Amino acid sequence: MTGRLLKPATMEQMSDTHPAALLGGLTEYGLGLQNIPSPEGETWGHGGLNFGYQTQTWYLPEHDITISHIHNFLLNWYDKLQNDLVAAVKAGGYPDFKACGAPDGFFDVPSTNTWFKWAFKGPVTADLPSERIDGNGFFRVEHDGSIEPVVGMYPQVVRTERAGKPILRLTAYGAPVEGDANLTMLTLELSENLFSGLDAQGTKVIGQGNAEEMFGALTELYWAPGTKTVNKFCYTGFSNVQIDGHAFLCEGNRDGMPEVGDTLRVMGNVPVSSDPDYVDYVVANVMKSARCMCLDGTDWIPCATPN
């Protein structure tokens, strides 16, 4: 990109881009080079992915910054990470930055139960934002030592309300589990009380008496035929309040619920149950809903049949 390796005519051909289909979208593609716009200016480079990991190398000519990265997370997270890295380099680094990791053994929980194990870092957005802003993290379901289908695409947290009280609602998506569903959605609701009363390490036990502080749900989503618009959803699992879970908040999030625009950094172990009787009980008594809801015009109503 600096002209020291290849002839100018070669670079001109490589940089002569045209729209090309790639991974379900369009990108400007030349001869071995892609040009992708970013908030920090245009980026030139290429990536590759296979077998559960990806590689990326990008050059930002406006700042003379090159980033090479090998990672095992999802494509949409990389853009956010790249922008954060470029901002850090431009600022000369963040000398007061403190990395955040859960205490040793935090994720060591009994393998005989089913768990959401998750971590999230990202900006808190307003409910119904005009532009979706995703964060970074991992979200996985583990049972008896095995990893169930992973959810974690497009993780986002919004500040909203339930019953007149502020909550943070974190959502992420993944491969379907049930029948002909199109997506699995993980929802985690974090109440205002979660952000106080932590121990010296920043952790808290989530039990039956304070289950509303970190409550999770698994939902299967179904698209209307021939579209990618959801017209049906079914609850398939909820936090198991009879088993203690655990939350960990990073420094900066331990003195109250973050506002819109703040960064949320939090991790958790959430015991979950998919027992049909338990799901029906939570649906009826907590969600005040039906197991499956269908779209009728602009209203969600109980589906005609439970499945």
C-alpha atoms as a PDB file:
ATOM      1  CA  MET A   1       0.000   0.000   0.000  1.00  0.00           C
ATOM      2  CA  THR A   2       2.978   2.359   0.442  1.00  0.00           C
ATOM      3  CA  GLY A   3       4.299   1.682  -3.077  1.00  0.00           C
ATOM      4  CA  ARG A   4       7.591   0.076  -2.013  1.00  0.00           C
ATOM      5  CA  LEU A   5       6.784  -3.472  -3.128  1.00  0.00           C
ATOM      6  CA  LEU A   6       4.631  -3.390  -6.256  1.00  0.00           C
ATOM      7  CA  LYS A   7       4.665  -1.278  -9.373  1.00  0.00           C
ATOM      8  CA  PRO A   8       2.202   1.628  -9.512  1.00  0.00           C
ATOM      9  CA  ALA A   9       0.367  -0.002 -12.440  1.00  0.00           C
ATOM     10  CA  THR A  10      -0.092  -3.185 -10.416  1.00  0.00           C
ATOM     11  CA  MET A  11      -1.418  -1.277  -7.411  1.00  0.00           C
ATOM     12  CA  GLU A  12      -3.778   0.630  -9.692  1.00  0.00           C
ATOM     13  CA  GLN A  13      -5.285  -2.641 -10.933  1.00  0.00           C
ATOM     14  CA  MET A  14      -5.519  -4.075  -7.409  1.00  0.00           C
ATOM     15  CA  SER A  15      -7.257  -0.900  -6.196  1.00  0.00           C
ATOM     16  CA  ASP A  16      -9.733  -0.738  -9.079  1.00  0.00           C
ATOM     17  CA  THR A  17     -12.708  -2.104  -7.124  1.00  0.00           C
ATOM     18  CA  HIS A  18     -16.149  -3.241  -8.221  1.00  0.00           C
ATOM     19  CA  PRO A  19     -19.184  -4.382  -6.175  1.00  0.00           C
ATOM     20  CA  ALA A  20     -18.972  -8.110  -5.448  1.00  0.00           C
ATOM     21  CA  ALA A  21     -21.201 -10.450  -3.444  1.00  0.00           C
ATOM     22  CA  LEU A  22     -19.464 -11.690  -0.301  1.00  0.00           C
ATOM     23  CA  LEU A  23     -20.936 -13.504   2.715  1.00  0.00           C
ATOM     24  CA  GLY A  24     -24.470 -12.351   2.034  1.00  0.00           C
ATOM     25  CA  GLY A  25     -23.599  -8.733   1.278  1.00  0.00           C
ATOM     26  CA  LEU A  26     -21.765  -6.489  -1.161  1.00  0.00           C
ATOM     27  CA  THR A  27     -18.173  -5.344  -0.867  1.00  0.00           C
ATOM     28  CA  GLU A  28     -15.902  -3.292  -3.113  1.00  0.00           C
ATOM     29  CA  TYR A  29     -13.443  -5.857  -4.484  1.00  0.00           C
ATOM     30  CA  GLY A  30     -10.335  -5.325  -6.605  1.00  0.00           C
ATOM     31  CA  LEU A  31      -7.532  -7.778  -7.434  1.00  0.00           C
ATOM     32  CA  GLY A  32      -6.928  -9.314  -4.011  1.00  0.00           C
ATOM     33  CA  LEU A  33      -7.899  -6.123  -2.189  1.00  0.00           C
ATOM     34  CA  GLN A  34     -11.175  -5.074  -0.618  1.00  0.00           C
ATOM     35  CA  ASN A  35     -12.104  -1.493   0.189  1.00  0.00           C
ATOM     36  CA  ILE A  36     -14.409  -1.118   3.172  1.00  0.00           C
ATOM     37  CA  PRO A  37     -15.487   2.280   4.552  1.00  0.00           C
ATOM     38  CA  SER A  38     -15.317   2.851   8.307  1.00  0.00           C
ATOM     39  CA  PRO A  39     -15.857   5.753  10.714  1.00  0.00           C
ATOM     40  CA  GLU A  40     -12.057   6.146  10.658  1.00  0.00           C
ATOM     41  CA  GLY A  41     -11.883   6.376   6.859  1.00  0.00           C
ATOM     42  CA  GLU A  42     -11.528   3.788   4.115  1.00  0.00           C
ATOM     43  CA  THR A  43      -9.741   0.509   4.854  1.00  0.00           C
ATOM     44  CA  TRP A  44      -7.878  -1.687   2.379  1.00  0.00           C
ATOM     45  CA  GLY A  45      -7.109  -5.335   2.911  1.00  0.00           C
ATOM     46  CA  HIS A  46      -8.452  -8.849   2.957  1.00  0.00           C
ATOM     47  CA  GLY A  47      -9.540 -11.572   5.324  1.00  0.00           C
ATOM     48  CA  GLY A  48     -10.152 -15.289   5.359  1.00  0.00           C
ATOM     49  CA  LEU A  49     -12.236 -17.676   7.409  1.00  0.00           C
ATOM     50  CA  ASN A  50     -12.590 -21.409   7.863  1.00  0.00           C
ATOM     51  CA  PHE A  51     -12.672 -24.089  10.544  1.00  0.00           C
ATOM     52  CA  GLY A  52     -13.878 -21.792  13.318  1.00  0.00           C
ATOM     53  CA  TYR A  53     -11.432 -18.900  13.074  1.00  0.00           C
ATOM     54  CA  GLN A  54     -10.722 -15.887  10.887  1.00  0.00           C
ATOM     55  CA  THR A  55      -7.779 -13.727   9.838  1.00  0.00           C
ATOM     56  CA  GLN A  56      -7.893 -10.063   8.892  1.00  0.00           C
ATOM     57  CA  THR A  57      -5.319  -7.530   7.700  1.00  0.00           C
ATOM     58  CA  TRP A  58      -6.387  -3.946   6.961  1.00  0.00           C
ATOM     59  CA  TYR A  59      -4.564  -0.722   6.173  1.00  0.00           C
ATOM     60  CA  LEU A  60      -6.029   2.726   6.871  1.00  0.00           C
ATOM     61  CA  PRO A  61      -4.214   5.171   4.563  1.00  0.00           C
ATOM     62  CA  GLU A  62      -5.587   8.291   6.274  1.00  0.00           C
ATOM     63  CA  HIS A  63      -3.790   7.306   9.495  1.00  0.00           C
ATOM     64  CA  ASP A  64      -1.004   5.039   8.176  1.00  0.00           C
ATOM     65  CA  ILE A  65      -2.210   2.281  10.520  1.00  0.00           C
ATOM     66  CA  THR A  66      -2.182  -1.429   9.716  1.00  0.00           C
ATOM     67  CA  ILE A  67      -4.120  -3.969  11.779  1.00  0.00           C
ATOM     68  CA  SER A  68      -3.591  -7.734  11.545  1.00  0.00           C
ATOM     69  CA  HIS A  69      -5.827  -9.903  13.640  1.00  0.00           C
ATOM     70  CA  ILE A  70      -6.580 -13.588  14.145  1.00  0.00           C
ATOM     71  CA  HIS A  71      -9.799 -14.306  16.006  1.00  0.00           C
ATOM     72  CA  ASN A  72     -12.576 -16.810  16.580  1.00  0.00           C
ATOM     73  CA  PHE A  73     -15.568 -14.513  16.889  1.00  0.00           C
ATOM     74  CA  LEU A  74     -18.171 -13.347  14.417  1.00  0.00           C
ATOM     75  CA  LEU A  75     -17.754 -11.043  11.435  1.00  0.00           C
ATOM     76  CA  ASN A  76     -19.949  -8.228  12.678  1.00  0.00           C
ATOM     77  CA  TRP A  77     -17.883  -7.893  15.870  1.00  0.00           C
ATOM     78  CA  TYR A  78     -14.670  -7.212  13.979  1.00  0.00           C
ATOM     79  CA  ASP A  79     -15.697  -3.802  12.655  1.00  0.00           C
ATOM     80  CA  LYS A  80     -16.414  -2.551  16.187  1.00  0.00           C
ATOM     81  CA  LEU A  81     -13.112  -3.930  17.485  1.00  0.00           C
ATOM     82  CA  GLN A  82     -11.168  -2.402  14.578  1.00  0.00           C
ATOM     83  CA  ASN A  83     -12.692   1.015  15.180  1.00  0.00           C
ATOM     84  CA  ASP A  84     -11.850   0.806  18.903  1.00  0.00           C
ATOM     85  CA  LEU A  85      -8.254  -0.186  18.108  1.00  0.00           C
ATOM     86  CA  VAL A  86      -7.770   2.642  15.619  1.00  0.00           C
ATOM     87  CA  ALA A  87      -9.182   5.162  18.083  1.00  0.00           C
ATOM     88  CA  ALA A  88      -6.763   3.849  20.745  1.00  0.00           C
ATOM     89  CA  VAL A  89      -3.759   4.117  18.401  1.00  0.00           C
ATOM     90  CA  LYS A  90      -4.724   7.648  17.341  1.00  0.00           C
ATOM     91  CA  ALA A  91      -5.030   8.655  20.993  1.00  0.00           C
ATOM     92  CA  GLY A  92      -1.589   7.277  21.774  1.00  0.00           C
ATOM     93  CA  GLY A  93      -3.066   4.476  23.849  1.00  0.00           C
ATOM     94  CA  TYR A  94      -5.153   4.665  27.002  1.00  0.00           C
ATOM     95  CA  PRO A  95      -2.710   4.715  29.931  1.00  0.00           C
ATOM     96  CA  ASP A  96      -5.502   4.458  32.512  1.00  0.00           C
ATOM     97  CA  PHE A  97      -7.234   1.524  30.794  1.00  0.00           C
ATOM     98  CA  LYS A  98      -7.755  -1.540  32.958  1.00  0.00           C
ATOM     99  CA  ALA A  99      -8.443  -4.884  31.344  1.00  0.00           C
ATOM    100  CA  CYS A 100     -11.336  -6.744  32.905  1.00  0.00           C
ATOM    101  CA  GLY A 101     -11.408 -10.460  33.600  1.00  0.00           C
ATOM    102  CA  ALA A 102     -13.625 -12.498  35.873  1.00  0.00           C
ATOM    103  CA  PRO A 103     -12.072 -13.847  39.093  1.00  0.00           C
ATOM    104  CA  ASP A 104     -10.357 -17.233  38.886  1.00  0.00           C
ATOM    105  CA  GLY A 105     -12.911 -20.037  38.881  1.00  0.00           C
ATOM    106  CA  PHE A 106     -15.862 -17.750  38.152  1.00  0.00           C
ATOM    107  CA  PHE A 107     -17.105 -19.915  35.277  1.00  0.00           C
ATOM    108  CA  ASP A 108     -16.496 -23.209  37.125  1.00  0.00           C
ATOM    109  CA  VAL A 109     -20.075 -24.267  37.846  1.00  0.00           C
ATOM    110  CA  PRO A 110     -21.634 -27.741  38.361  1.00  0.00           C
ATOM    111  CA  SER A 111     -21.734 -29.539  35.014  1.00  0.00           C
ATOM    112  CA  THR A 112     -24.876 -31.430  36.025  1.00  0.00           C
ATOM    113  CA  ASN A 113     -26.966 -28.331  35.306  1.00  0.00           C
ATOM    114  CA  THR A 114     -27.593 -26.366  32.129  1.00  0.00           C
ATOM    115  CA  TRP A 115     -26.016 -22.887  32.050  1.00  0.00           C
ATOM    116  CA  PHE A 116     -25.845 -19.695  30.051  1.00  0.00           C
ATOM    117  CA  LYS A 117     -22.201 -18.629  30.293  1.00  0.00           C
ATOM    118  CA  TRP A 118     -21.791 -15.177  28.888  1.00  0.00           C
ATOM    119  CA  ALA A 119     -19.761 -11.974  28.808  1.00  0.00           C
ATOM    120  CA  PHE A 120     -20.565  -8.663  27.153  1.00  0.00           C
ATOM    121  CA  LYS A 121     -18.856  -5.350  26.492  1.00  0.00           C
ATOM    122  CA  GLY A 122     -20.586  -2.643  24.534  1.00  0.00           C
ATOM    123  CA  PRO A 123     -22.399   0.679  24.536  1.00  0.00           C
ATOM    124  CA  VAL A 124     -25.792   1.030  26.197  1.00  0.00           C
ATOM    125  CA  THR A 125     -28.291   2.255  23.627  1.00  0.00           C
ATOM    126  CA  ALA A 126     -31.751   3.751  23.870  1.00  0.00           C
ATOM    127  CA  ASP A 127     -34.829   1.615  23.393  1.00  0.00           C
ATOM    128  CA  LEU A 128     -35.786   1.450  19.706  1.00  0.00           C
ATOM    129  CA  PRO A 129     -32.601   3.204  18.523  1.00  0.00           C
ATOM    130  CA  SER A 130     -32.497   4.610  15.009  1.00  0.00           C
ATOM    131  CA  GLU A 131     -29.295   2.640  14.356  1.00  0.00           C
ATOM    132  CA  ARG A 132     -28.376  -0.745  15.777  1.00  0.00           C
ATOM    133  CA  ILE A 133     -25.109  -0.637  17.755  1.00  0.00           C
ATOM    134  CA  ASP A 134     -23.620  -4.015  18.591  1.00  0.00           C
ATOM    135  CA  GLY A 135     -21.134  -4.919  21.277  1.00  0.00           C
ATOM    136  CA  ASN A 136     -18.656  -7.766  21.717  1.00  0.00           C
ATOM    137  CA  GLY A 137     -18.913 -10.863  23.845  1.00  0.00           C
ATOM    138  CA  PHE A 138     -19.494 -14.560  24.073  1.00  0.00           C
ATOM    139  CA  PHE A 139     -22.712 -16.410  24.811  1.00  0.00           C
ATOM    140  CA  ARG A 140     -22.937 -20.171  25.098  1.00  0.00           C
ATOM    141  CA  VAL A 141     -25.173 -22.817  26.581  1.00  0.00           C
ATOM    142  CA  GLU A 142     -23.452 -25.699  28.365  1.00  0.00           C
ATOM    143  CA  HIS A 143     -24.978 -28.890  29.704  1.00  0.00           C
ATOM    144  CA  ASP A 144     -23.241 -31.823  31.340  1.00  0.00           C
ATOM    145  CA  GLY A 145     -19.894 -30.642  29.998  1.00  0.00           C
ATOM    146  CA  SER A 146     -21.044 -30.238  26.392  1.00  0.00           C
ATOM    147  CA  ILE A 147     -21.633 -26.985  24.514  1.00  0.00           C
ATOM    148  CA  GLU A 148     -25.108 -26.616  23.066  1.00  0.00           C
ATOM    149  CA  PRO A 149     -25.741 -24.514  19.930  1.00  0.00           C
ATOM    150  CA  VAL A 150     -24.132 -21.144  20.559  1.00  0.00           C
ATOM    151  CA  VAL A 151     -25.995 -17.848  20.490  1.00  0.00           C
ATOM    152  CA  GLY A 152     -24.105 -14.605  20.186  1.00  0.00           C
ATOM    153  CA  MET A 153     -24.689 -12.876  16.855  1.00  0.00           C
ATOM    154  CA  TYR A 154     -25.421  -9.141  16.980  1.00  0.00           C
ATOM    155  CA  PRO A 155     -25.306  -8.722  20.778  1.00  0.00           C
ATOM    156  CA  GLN A 156     -26.857  -5.439  21.849  1.00  0.00           C
ATOM    157  CA  VAL A 157     -27.967  -3.892  25.139  1.00  0.00           C
ATOM    158  CA  VAL A 158     -30.704  -1.277  25.437  1.00  0.00           C
ATOM    159  CA  ARG A 159     -31.876   0.661  28.455  1.00  0.00           C
ATOM    160  CA  THR A 160     -35.630   0.399  28.769  1.00  0.00           C
ATOM    161  CA  GLU A 161     -38.300  -0.259  31.415  1.00  0.00           C
ATOM    162  CA  ARG A 162     -40.328  -3.112  32.830  1.00  0.00           C
ATOM    163  CA  ALA A 163     -43.235  -2.324  35.162  1.00  0.00           C
ATOM    164  CA  GLY A 164     -42.045   1.278  35.376  1.00  0.00           C
ATOM    165  CA  LYS A 165     -38.539   0.361  36.561  1.00  0.00           C
ATOM    166  CA  PRO A 166     -35.347   0.726  34.496  1.00  0.00           C
ATOM    167  CA  ILE A 167     -33.731  -2.423  33.126  1.00  0.00           C
ATOM    168  CA  LEU A 168     -30.977  -3.267  30.681  1.00  0.00           C
ATOM    169  CA  ARG A 169     -32.159  -5.772  28.072  1.00  0.00           C
ATOM    170  CA  LEU A 170     -29.371  -7.686  26.361  1.00  0.00           C
ATOM    171  CA  THR A 171     -30.199  -9.696  23.231  1.00  0.00           C
ATOM    172  CA  ALA A 172     -28.162 -12.011  21.029  1.00  0.00           C
ATOM    173  CA  TYR A 173     -29.049 -14.464  18.267  1.00  0.00           C
ATOM    174  CA  GLY A 174     -27.874 -17.824  17.002  1.00  0.00           C
ATOM    175  CA  ALA A 175     -28.685 -21.011  15.151  1.00  0.00           C
ATOM    176  CA  PRO A 176     -32.177 -22.486  15.696  1.00  0.00           C
ATOM    177  CA  VAL A 177     -32.652 -25.460  17.995  1.00  0.00           C
ATOM    178  CA  GLU A 178     -36.333 -26.337  17.731  1.00  0.00           C
ATOM    179  CA  GLY A 179     -38.039 -27.843  14.662  1.00  0.00           C
ATOM    180  CA  ASP A 180     -38.408 -25.414  11.751  1.00  0.00           C
ATOM    181  CA  ALA A 181     -37.438 -22.301  13.729  1.00  0.00           C
ATOM    182  CA  ASN A 182     -35.208 -19.800  11.930  1.00  0.00           C
ATOM    183  CA  LEU A 183     -33.310 -18.281  14.872  1.00  0.00           C
ATOM    184  CA  THR A 184     -32.684 -18.728  18.576  1.00  0.00           C
ATOM    185  CA  MET A 185     -32.758 -15.534  20.632  1.00  0.00           C
ATOM    186  CA  LEU A 186     -31.152 -15.136  24.044  1.00  0.00           C
ATOM    187  CA  THR A 187     -32.563 -12.350  26.209  1.00  0.00           C
ATOM    188  CA  LEU A 188     -31.009 -11.257  29.497  1.00  0.00           C
ATOM    189  CA  GLU A 189     -32.681  -8.626  31.646  1.00  0.00           C
ATOM    190  CA  LEU A 190     -30.506  -6.846  34.213  1.00  0.00           C
ATOM    191  CA  SER A 191     -32.281  -4.833  36.890  1.00  0.00           C
ATOM    192  CA  GLU A 192     -31.099  -1.713  38.674  1.00  0.00           C
ATOM    193  CA  ASN A 193     -30.382  -3.690  41.853  1.00  0.00           C
ATOM    194  CA  LEU A 194     -27.722  -5.777  40.113  1.00  0.00           C
ATOM    195  CA  PHE A 195     -25.384  -2.788  40.111  1.00  0.00           C
ATOM    196  CA  SER A 196     -25.085  -2.495  43.889  1.00  0.00           C
ATOM    197  CA  GLY A 197     -24.267  -4.757  46.812  1.00  0.00           C
ATOM    198  CA  LEU A 198     -21.423  -6.597  45.092  1.00  0.00           C
ATOM    199  CA  ASP A 199     -18.562  -8.162  47.010  1.00  0.00           C
ATOM    200  CA  ALA A 200     -14.984  -6.866  46.923  1.00  0.00           C
ATOM    201  CA  GLN A 201     -14.273  -8.769  43.692  1.00  0.00           C
ATOM    202  CA  GLY A 202     -17.288  -7.318  41.915  1.00  0.00           C
ATOM    203  CA  THR A 203     -19.358 -10.520  42.038  1.00  0.00           C
ATOM    204  CA  LYS A 204     -22.841 -11.298  43.304  1.00  0.00           C
ATOM    205  CA  VAL A 205     -24.863 -14.466  43.854  1.00  0.00           C
ATOM    206  CA  ILE A 206     -28.175 -14.485  41.983  1.00  0.00           C
ATOM    207  CA  GLY A 207     -30.671 -16.718  43.811  1.00  0.00           C
ATOM    208  CA  GLN A 208     -34.387 -17.159  44.213  1.00  0.00           C
ATOM    209  CA  GLY A 209     -34.703 -14.002  46.310  1.00  0.00           C
ATOM    210  CA  ASN A 210     -33.109 -11.697  43.725  1.00  0.00           C
ATOM    211  CA  ALA A 211     -33.657 -13.632  40.475  1.00  0.00           C
ATOM    212  CA  GLU A 212     -35.018 -10.529  38.741  1.00  0.00           C
ATOM    213  CA  GLU A 213     -31.557  -8.915  38.902  1.00  0.00           C
ATOM    214  CA  MET A 214     -30.264 -11.170  36.086  1.00  0.00           C
ATOM    215  CA  PHE A 215     -33.004 -13.165  34.379  1.00  0.00           C
ATOM    216  CA  GLY A 216     -32.573 -14.978  31.060  1.00  0.00           C
ATOM    217  CA  ALA A 217     -34.864 -16.469  28.419  1.00  0.00           C
ATOM    218  CA  LEU A 218     -34.348 -18.597  25.319  1.00  0.00           C
ATOM    219  CA  THR A 219     -36.801 -18.026  22.496  1.00  0.00           C
ATOM    220  CA  GLU A 220     -37.202 -19.622  19.089  1.00  0.00           C
ATOM    221  CA  LEU A 221     -38.088 -17.198  16.273  1.00  0.00           C
ATOM    222  CA  TYR A 222     -39.976 -18.062  13.079  1.00  0.00           C
ATOM    223  CA  TRP A 223     -40.060 -16.000   9.915  1.00  0.00           C
ATOM    224  CA  ALA A 224     -43.126 -15.335   7.815  1.00  0.00           C
ATOM    225  CA  PRO A 225     -42.993 -17.528   4.685  1.00  0.00           C
ATOM    226  CA  GLY A 226     -40.691 -16.098   2.048  1.00  0.00           C
ATOM    227  CA  THR A 227     -39.418 -13.292   4.307  1.00  0.00           C
ATOM    228  CA  LYS A 228     -37.013 -12.611   7.162  1.00  0.00           C
ATOM    229  CA  THR A 229     -39.697 -10.917   9.241  1.00  0.00           C
ATOM    230  CA  VAL A 230     -40.541 -12.636  12.519  1.00  0.00           C
ATOM    231  CA  ASN A 231     -44.221 -13.547  12.759  1.00  0.00           C
ATOM    232  CA  LYS A 232     -44.016 -16.148  15.548  1.00  0.00           C
ATOM    233  CA  PHE A 233     -41.933 -16.798  18.647  1.00  0.00           C
ATOM    234  CA  CYS A 234     -41.941 -19.546  21.261  1.00  0.00           C
ATOM    235  CA  TYR A 235     -40.334 -19.535  24.707  1.00  0.00           C
ATOM    236  CA  THR A 236     -38.174 -22.634  25.237  1.00  0.00           C
ATOM    237  CA  GLY A 237     -36.163 -21.959  28.411  1.00  0.00           C
ATOM    238  CA  PHE A 238     -35.786 -19.602  31.371  1.00  0.00           C
ATOM    239  CA  SER A 239     -33.442 -18.919  34.263  1.00  0.00           C
ATOM    240  CA  ASN A 240     -33.779 -21.708  36.823  1.00  0.00           C
ATOM    241  CA  VAL A 241     -34.348 -19.699  39.996  1.00  0.00           C
ATOM    242  CA  GLN A 242     -33.914 -22.784  42.197  1.00  0.00           C
ATOM    243  CA  ILE A 243     -30.174 -22.836  41.432  1.00  0.00           C
ATOM    244  CA  ASP A 244     -27.813 -19.985  42.286  1.00  0.00           C
ATOM    245  CA  GLY A 245     -26.266 -18.058  39.417  1.00  0.00           C
ATOM    246  CA  HIS A 246     -23.424 -15.559  39.512  1.00  0.00           C
ATOM    247  CA  ALA A 247     -22.797 -12.098  38.106  1.00  0.00           C
ATOM    248  CA  PHE A 248     -19.531 -10.190  37.746  1.00  0.00           C
ATOM    249  CA  LEU A 249     -19.288  -6.489  36.913  1.00  0.00           C
ATOM    250  CA  CYS A 250     -16.131  -4.758  35.775  1.00  0.00           C
ATOM    251  CA  GLU A 251     -14.880  -1.589  37.426  1.00  0.00           C
ATOM    252  CA  GLY A 252     -16.878   1.360  36.227  1.00  0.00           C
ATOM    253  CA  ASN A 253     -20.153  -0.574  36.410  1.00  0.00           C
ATOM    254  CA  ARG A 254     -20.278  -1.165  40.157  1.00  0.00           C
ATOM    255  CA  ASP A 255     -21.767   2.131  41.270  1.00  0.00           C
ATOM    256  CA  GLY A 256     -25.120   2.098  39.539  1.00  0.00           C
ATOM    257  CA  MET A 257     -26.842   1.105  36.315  1.00  0.00           C
ATOM    258  CA  PRO A 258     -25.120   2.656  33.284  1.00  0.00           C
ATOM    259  CA  GLU A 259     -26.938   5.314  31.299  1.00  0.00           C
ATOM    260  CA  VAL A 260     -27.447   5.430  27.537  1.00  0.00           C
ATOM    261  CA  GLY A 261     -24.041   6.012  25.944  1.00  0.00           C
ATOM    262  CA  ASP A 262     -22.087   4.401  28.785  1.00  0.00           C
ATOM    263  CA  THR A 263     -20.152   1.161  28.309  1.00  0.00           C
ATOM    264  CA  LEU A 264     -21.450  -2.004  29.965  1.00  0.00           C
ATOM    265  CA  ARG A 265     -18.926  -4.697  30.919  1.00  0.00           C
ATOM    266  CA  VAL A 266     -20.534  -7.644  32.673  1.00  0.00           C
ATOM    267  CA  MET A 267     -20.285 -11.443  32.841  1.00  0.00           C
ATOM    268  CA  GLY A 268     -22.573 -14.106  34.221  1.00  0.00           C
ATOM    269  CA  ASN A 269     -23.459 -17.724  34.865  1.00  0.00           C
ATOM    270  CA  VAL A 270     -27.215 -18.209  34.538  1.00  0.00           C
ATOM    271  CA  PRO A 271     -28.721 -21.637  35.343  1.00  0.00           C
ATOM    272  CA  VAL A 272     -31.451 -22.408  32.840  1.00  0.00           C
ATOM    273  CA  SER A 273     -34.269 -24.926  32.612  1.00  0.00           C
ATOM    274  CA  SER A 274     -36.147 -26.080  29.516  1.00  0.00           C
ATOM    275  CA  ASP A 275     -38.507 -28.342  31.448  1.00  0.00           C
ATOM    276  CA  PRO A 276     -41.922 -27.853  29.768  1.00  0.00           C
ATOM    277  CA  ASP A 277     -43.814 -27.543  33.064  1.00  0.00           C
ATOM    278  CA  TYR A 278     -41.356 -24.950  34.354  1.00  0.00           C
ATOM    279  CA  VAL A 279     -41.462 -23.004  31.074  1.00  0.00           C
ATOM    280  CA  ASP A 280     -45.276 -22.993  31.166  1.00  0.00           C
ATOM    281  CA  TYR A 281     -45.236 -21.731  34.767  1.00  0.00           C
ATOM    282  CA  VAL A 282     -42.842 -18.857  34.000  1.00  0.00           C
ATOM    283  CA  VAL A 283     -44.721 -17.959  30.804  1.00  0.00           C
ATOM    284  CA  ALA A 284     -48.028 -17.739  32.671  1.00  0.00           C
ATOM    285  CA  ASN A 285     -46.884 -16.151  35.949  1.00  0.00           C
ATOM    286  CA  VAL A 286     -43.863 -14.033  35.021  1.00  0.00           C
ATOM    287  CA  MET A 287     -44.148 -13.231  31.315  1.00  0.00           C
ATOM    288  CA  LYS A 288     -47.962 -13.016  31.459  1.00  0.00           C
ATOM    289  CA  SER A 289     -48.003 -14.501  27.994  1.00  0.00           C
ATOM    290  CA  ALA A 290     -48.494 -17.745  26.088  1.00  0.00           C
ATOM    291  CA  ARG A 291     -45.803 -20.278  25.199  1.00  0.00           C
ATOM    292  CA  CYS A 292     -46.067 -19.297  21.508  1.00  0.00           C
ATOM    293  CA  MET A 293     -47.157 -15.898  20.223  1.00  0.00           C
ATOM    294  CA  CYS A 294     -48.104 -15.103  16.617  1.00  0.00           C
ATOM    295  CA  LEU A 295     -48.327 -11.805  14.781  1.00  0.00           C
ATOM    296  CA  ASP A 296     -51.874 -10.775  13.884  1.00  0.00           C
ATOM    297  CA  GLY A 297     -51.554  -7.569  11.912  1.00  0.00           C
ATOM    298  CA  THR A 298     -49.630  -5.363  14.334  1.00  0.00           C
ATOM    299  CA  ASP A 299     -50.623  -7.278  17.490  1.00  0.00           C
ATOM    300  CA  TRP A 300     -49.023 -10.311  19.124  1.00  0.00           C
ATOM    301  CA  ILE A 301     -51.617 -12.878  20.200  1.00  0.00           C
ATOM    302  CA  PRO A 302     -51.411 -16.483  21.447  1.00  0.00           C
ATOM    303  CA  CYS A 303     -50.972 -18.820  18.517  1.00  0.00           C
ATOM    304  CA  ALA A 304     -53.917 -21.023  17.564  1.00  0.00           C
ATOM    305  CA  THR A 305     -51.877 -24.127  18.430  1.00  0.00           C
ATOM    306  CA  PRO A 306     -49.119 -24.366  21.057  1.00  0.00           C
ATOM    307  CA  ASN A 307     -46.429 -25.405  18.522  1.00  0.00           C
END
